[in-house]
Amino acid sequence: MLKILPLLLLCTACSDVDDGRTNAGSSARSDFATQTGAPAPDYRALLKQPALVEEGVRELKVASSPPADAKSVGDTWIARLKDRGALLGYGLAGKGPDGAVELIDTGLTEREFKVWTAKRGWTVPRHIRWGFAPEMSLGAVSKAAGRGIRFWPASTARTGAQHQALYNGRIELRDGCFFVGEFGKPADRLAWFHAEIGLDIDDAGYFILRDRVTGQTLARVGEALSWSGPPSAVIDEAARTRLQNKCGSAEINIVGAPQSTERFLAQYPH
């Protein structure tokens, strides 16, 4: 029995392209950037670039049989990870809710997990299969992109399993703030991203969304986008307050890990 906690995937849509942008420092919009549209880059060429790191969960496989107190051991580790804010999901043996824990997906990298458990003197049970988040290769916001925005609206907690219904829309950068409109609606809600999404500027000067694990370009801000949803993410109150102080009190809309519709079609041609 698998239990997934609501804490990245993709799909398709389409729309016309506008190249609506002003550079950071433009006198048109204070000291912050605006990019409400963008032409798609050559995603076929970009997709041929090697990933910095392979995506996907890292695993520590089972190496022993369950002990007699397996249920108690599993419950203890679930509680520890919940307290740490690093439990993405877990699985129980059997079909009912009373089975022993047999797998745990953590929101920590394997390195972070080893440091955390070693500091506390804990022995990691090997009858449980452990899943770890991949290391991220990139920072959240490049120095060049950071000069053009007021606040980067993304979680710091890693992302667990997500719903997989098809969502589409457009994200706009306006005067340093990110707004989203879904299903053809105006972009009037504040966008919020998963921790694995970062911001950069490409060689043509466009703000782009990048996968912080693989380093790959997912979209230019302003393109038609698609994402799986409804996505969930951790938004702590301090971050929520700071975002709304910087960008206004509009409703926050979690977009998770969006990618360009053109990129999706280039990767999975019909």
Protein backbone atom coordinates (compact mmCIF):
# COMPACT_ATOMS: atom_id res chain seq x y z
CA MET A 1 0.00 0.00 0.00
CA LEU A 2 1.55 3.28 -1.12
CA LYS A 3 0.99 6.55 0.74
CA ILE A 4 2.03 9.76 -1.00
CA LEU A 5 2.12 13.03 0.85
CA PRO A 6 0.94 16.14 -1.01
CA LEU A 7 3.94 18.23 -0.85
CA LEU A 8 7.28 17.23 -11.74
CA LEU A 9 5.85 15.98 -14.90
CA LEU A 10 4.61 17.56 -18.13
CA CYS A 11 2.01 17.77 -20.89
CA THR A 12 0.88 20.01 -23.85
CA ALA A 13 -1.02 23.10 -25.08
CA CYS A 14 -0.51 25.89 -27.60
CA SER A 15 -0.90 29.66 -28.13
CA ASP A 16 0.39 32.60 -30.17
CA VAL A 17 3.76 34.15 -29.28
CA ASP A 18 4.40 37.77 -28.36
CA ASP A 19 7.89 39.16 -27.74
CA GLY A 20 6.94 41.58 -24.95
CA ARG A 21 9.91 42.41 -22.81
CA THR A 22 11.93 45.21 -21.32
CA ASN A 23 15.37 44.61 -19.92
CA ALA A 24 16.35 44.92 -16.30
CA GLY A 25 17.28 48.54 -15.75
CA SER A 26 14.91 49.81 -18.44
CA SER A 27 13.40 53.20 -17.72
CA ALA A 28 10.04 51.78 -18.87
CA ARG A 29 9.49 49.68 -15.72
CA SER A 30 11.59 50.91 -12.78
CA ASP A 31 14.68 48.79 -12.17
CA PHE A 32 12.98 45.46 -12.81
CA ALA A 33 12.35 43.36 -15.90
CA THR A 34 9.22 42.66 -17.91
CA GLN A 35 8.85 39.73 -20.31
CA THR A 36 5.28 38.91 -21.24
CA GLY A 37 6.02 36.94 -24.40
CA ALA A 38 8.91 35.13 -26.06
CA PRO A 39 9.59 33.15 -29.24
CA ALA A 40 10.47 29.51 -28.71
CA PRO A 41 14.19 28.71 -28.99
CA ASP A 42 15.46 25.70 -30.95
CA TYR A 43 14.38 23.03 -28.49
CA ARG A 44 15.54 20.19 -30.72
CA ALA A 45 19.10 21.52 -30.40
CA LEU A 46 18.70 22.23 -26.68
CA LEU A 47 17.40 18.72 -26.02
CA LYS A 48 20.59 17.26 -27.52
CA GLN A 49 22.69 18.96 -24.87
CA PRO A 50 23.79 16.52 -22.17
CA ALA A 51 22.19 16.79 -18.75
CA LEU A 52 24.43 17.98 -15.93
CA VAL A 53 23.03 15.23 -13.70
CA GLU A 54 20.62 12.42 -14.49
CA GLU A 55 17.18 13.07 -13.04
CA GLY A 56 15.25 10.60 -10.95
CA VAL A 57 15.14 9.34 -7.40
CA ARG A 58 18.29 7.77 -5.96
CA GLU A 59 17.72 4.55 -4.04
CA LEU A 60 19.27 2.62 -1.19
CA LYS A 61 18.01 -0.90 -1.75
CA VAL A 62 16.88 -3.41 0.82
CA ALA A 63 19.78 -5.39 2.34
CA SER A 64 18.19 -7.31 5.23
CA SER A 65 14.99 -9.03 6.29
CA PRO A 66 12.40 -7.14 8.38
CA PRO A 67 12.97 -7.48 12.13
CA ALA A 68 10.24 -8.51 14.54
CA ASP A 69 9.65 -4.86 15.46
CA ALA A 70 9.60 -3.65 11.83
CA LYS A 71 6.35 -1.71 12.28
CA SER A 72 7.69 0.21 15.28
CA VAL A 73 10.97 0.93 13.50
CA GLY A 74 9.19 2.23 10.42
CA ASP A 75 6.82 4.40 12.43
CA THR A 76 9.79 5.95 14.24
CA TRP A 77 11.46 6.91 10.96
CA ILE A 78 8.25 8.30 9.50
CA ALA A 79 7.89 10.53 12.56
CA ARG A 80 11.52 11.66 12.36
CA LEU A 81 11.20 12.64 8.70
CA LYS A 82 7.90 14.42 9.29
CA ASP A 83 9.54 16.45 12.05
CA ARG A 84 12.39 17.25 9.64
CA GLY A 85 9.87 18.31 6.94
CA ALA A 86 11.51 15.79 4.60
CA LEU A 87 8.95 13.02 4.12
CA LEU A 88 7.70 12.78 0.55
CA GLY A 89 5.96 9.42 0.77
CA TYR A 90 6.12 5.88 2.11
CA GLY A 91 4.84 2.40 1.38
CA LEU A 92 3.45 -0.29 3.70
CA ALA A 93 3.69 -4.03 3.41
CA GLY A 94 0.41 -5.73 2.56
CA LYS A 95 -2.86 -4.13 1.52
CA GLY A 96 -4.09 -2.58 4.74
CA PRO A 97 -3.07 0.46 6.80
CA ASP A 98 -1.42 -1.59 9.56
CA GLY A 99 1.52 -3.06 7.66
CA ALA A 100 5.15 -2.30 8.41
CA VAL A 101 6.89 0.43 6.45
CA GLU A 102 8.84 -1.10 3.55
CA LEU A 103 9.81 1.97 1.54
CA ILE A 104 10.37 5.66 2.32
CA ASP A 105 10.90 8.51 -0.14
CA THR A 106 12.71 11.42 1.47
CA GLY A 107 13.06 15.05 0.43
CA LEU A 108 16.78 14.85 1.20
CA THR A 109 19.68 13.98 -1.03
CA GLU A 110 21.60 10.87 -0.03
CA ARG A 111 24.43 13.10 1.18
CA GLU A 112 22.07 15.21 3.31
CA PHE A 113 20.46 12.09 4.72
CA LYS A 114 23.80 10.58 5.74
CA VAL A 115 24.87 13.79 7.48
CA TRP A 116 21.53 14.13 9.26
CA THR A 117 21.45 10.57 10.57
CA ALA A 118 25.16 10.49 11.49
CA LYS A 119 24.87 13.66 13.60
CA ARG A 120 22.11 12.03 15.62
CA GLY A 121 23.82 8.67 15.94
CA TRP A 122 20.97 6.83 14.20
CA THR A 123 21.45 3.48 12.48
CA VAL A 124 19.55 3.39 9.19
CA PRO A 125 17.41 0.23 8.92
CA ARG A 126 18.23 -1.71 5.76
CA HIS A 127 15.00 -3.69 5.57
CA ILE A 128 13.46 -0.46 4.23
CA ARG A 129 14.03 0.72 0.66
CA TRP A 130 15.06 4.40 0.79
CA GLY A 131 14.56 7.00 -1.92
CA PHE A 132 16.55 10.23 -2.05
CA ALA A 133 16.18 13.43 -4.03
CA PRO A 134 18.83 14.00 -6.71
CA GLU A 135 21.45 16.63 -6.08
CA MET A 136 20.70 19.98 -7.70
CA SER A 137 23.35 21.27 -10.09
CA LEU A 138 22.22 24.88 -10.28
CA GLY A 139 21.33 27.62 -7.85
CA ALA A 140 17.78 28.91 -7.75
CA VAL A 141 18.49 32.18 -9.60
CA SER A 142 21.54 33.17 -11.64
CA LYS A 143 23.22 36.45 -10.81
CA ALA A 144 22.16 37.96 -14.15
CA ALA A 145 18.51 36.98 -13.69
CA GLY A 146 18.45 38.07 -10.05
CA ARG A 147 19.05 41.69 -11.01
CA GLY A 148 15.74 41.80 -12.89
CA ILE A 149 13.32 40.35 -10.35
CA ARG A 150 11.87 41.40 -7.01
CA PHE A 151 11.48 37.89 -5.57
CA TRP A 152 11.90 34.30 -6.80
CA PRO A 153 8.68 32.48 -5.84
CA ALA A 154 9.79 28.88 -5.35
CA SER A 155 9.73 26.34 -2.56
CA THR A 156 12.84 25.30 -0.69
CA ALA A 157 11.42 21.86 0.20
CA ARG A 158 11.94 19.19 -2.47
CA THR A 159 9.00 17.94 -4.49
CA GLY A 160 7.19 14.66 -4.06
CA ALA A 161 4.73 12.85 -6.33
CA GLN A 162 2.19 15.11 -8.03
CA HIS A 163 -1.21 14.91 -9.69
CA GLN A 164 -0.99 14.35 -13.43
CA ALA A 165 -3.95 16.12 -15.01
CA LEU A 166 -3.09 18.40 -17.93
CA TYR A 167 -2.82 22.11 -17.18
CA ASN A 168 -1.74 24.84 -19.56
CA GLY A 169 -1.30 28.58 -19.55
CA ARG A 170 1.26 31.35 -19.65
CA ILE A 171 3.60 32.87 -17.10
CA GLU A 172 4.53 36.53 -17.44
CA LEU A 173 7.28 38.53 -15.78
CA ARG A 174 5.97 42.03 -15.11
CA ASP A 175 8.04 44.65 -13.32
CA GLY A 176 10.05 41.95 -11.58
CA CYS A 177 7.12 39.73 -10.51
CA PHE A 178 5.80 36.47 -11.96
CA PHE A 179 2.12 36.12 -12.83
CA VAL A 180 0.24 33.15 -14.27
CA GLY A 181 -2.95 32.69 -16.22
CA GLU A 182 -4.36 29.19 -16.74
CA PHE A 183 -6.39 27.90 -19.68
CA GLY A 184 -6.37 31.18 -21.60
CA LYS A 185 -7.30 33.36 -18.63
CA PRO A 186 -5.46 36.64 -17.88
CA ALA A 187 -2.17 36.28 -16.03
CA ASP A 188 -3.36 37.89 -12.81
CA ARG A 189 -2.30 35.41 -10.13
CA LEU A 190 1.12 35.23 -8.52
CA ALA A 191 3.03 32.19 -9.76
CA TRP A 192 4.80 29.76 -7.41
CA PHE A 193 7.31 27.13 -8.58
CA HIS A 194 8.69 23.86 -7.29
CA ALA A 195 12.11 23.87 -5.67
CA GLU A 196 13.66 22.13 -8.70
CA ILE A 197 12.88 25.04 -11.04
CA GLY A 198 15.40 27.87 -11.40
CA LEU A 199 15.65 31.15 -13.28
CA ASP A 200 18.36 32.23 -15.72
CA ILE A 201 18.88 34.38 -18.82
CA ASP A 202 19.76 32.68 -22.11
CA ASP A 203 22.23 33.81 -24.78
CA ALA A 204 19.50 35.78 -26.57
CA GLY A 205 18.70 37.74 -23.40
CA TYR A 206 15.43 36.02 -22.49
CA PHE A 207 14.51 34.96 -18.98
CA ILE A 208 14.27 31.18 -18.93
CA LEU A 209 13.10 28.46 -16.57
CA ARG A 210 15.71 25.75 -16.00
CA ASP A 211 15.69 22.36 -14.37
CA ARG A 212 18.03 22.78 -11.41
CA VAL A 213 18.92 19.07 -11.44
CA THR A 214 19.69 18.48 -15.13
CA GLY A 215 20.46 22.09 -16.09
CA GLN A 216 18.17 21.85 -19.12
CA THR A 217 16.12 24.78 -20.39
CA LEU A 218 12.42 24.13 -19.85
CA ALA A 219 10.89 27.32 -21.22
CA ARG A 220 11.27 30.99 -21.89
CA VAL A 221 9.08 33.09 -19.66
CA GLY A 222 6.11 34.23 -21.74
CA GLU A 223 5.84 31.10 -23.88
CA ALA A 224 2.78 28.86 -23.94
CA LEU A 225 3.36 26.34 -21.16
CA SER A 226 1.98 23.08 -19.85
CA TRP A 227 2.33 21.33 -16.51
CA SER A 228 0.85 18.53 -14.43
CA GLY A 229 -1.70 19.47 -11.86
CA PRO A 230 -3.17 20.51 -9.75
CA PRO A 231 0.38 20.77 -8.39
CA SER A 232 1.16 21.10 -4.71
CA ALA A 233 4.11 22.75 -2.98
CA VAL A 234 5.25 23.92 0.41
CA ILE A 235 4.88 27.69 0.83
CA ASP A 236 6.03 28.82 4.25
CA GLU A 237 4.37 31.88 5.71
CA ALA A 238 7.54 34.00 5.70
CA ALA A 239 7.97 33.41 1.95
CA ARG A 240 4.28 34.07 1.28
CA THR A 241 4.45 37.36 3.17
CA ARG A 242 7.63 38.45 1.42
CA LEU A 243 6.22 37.62 -2.03
CA GLN A 244 3.01 39.55 -1.44
CA ASN A 245 4.90 42.49 0.07
CA LYS A 246 7.05 42.65 -3.06
CA CYS A 247 4.45 41.81 -5.71
CA GLY A 248 1.00 42.55 -4.31
CA SER A 249 -1.76 40.59 -2.64
CA ALA A 250 -3.04 38.60 -5.63
CA GLU A 251 -3.87 34.95 -5.06
CA ILE A 252 -0.89 32.60 -5.26
CA ASN A 253 -1.18 29.92 -7.96
CA ILE A 254 1.18 26.94 -7.77
CA VAL A 255 2.49 26.05 -11.23
CA GLY A 256 5.05 23.53 -10.05
CA ALA A 257 7.38 22.54 -12.89
CA PRO A 258 6.05 24.00 -16.15
CA GLN A 259 7.69 23.53 -19.50
CA SER A 260 7.25 25.03 -22.94
CA THR A 261 4.61 23.37 -25.09
CA GLU A 262 7.05 23.67 -28.01
CA ARG A 263 9.70 21.84 -26.00
CA PHE A 264 7.26 19.03 -25.22
CA LEU A 265 6.34 18.67 -28.89
CA ALA A 266 10.02 18.65 -29.87
CA GLN A 267 10.76 15.94 -27.30
CA TYR A 268 7.66 13.86 -28.08
CA PRO A 269 6.72 14.61 -31.70
CA HIS A 270 3.26 13.50 -32.81
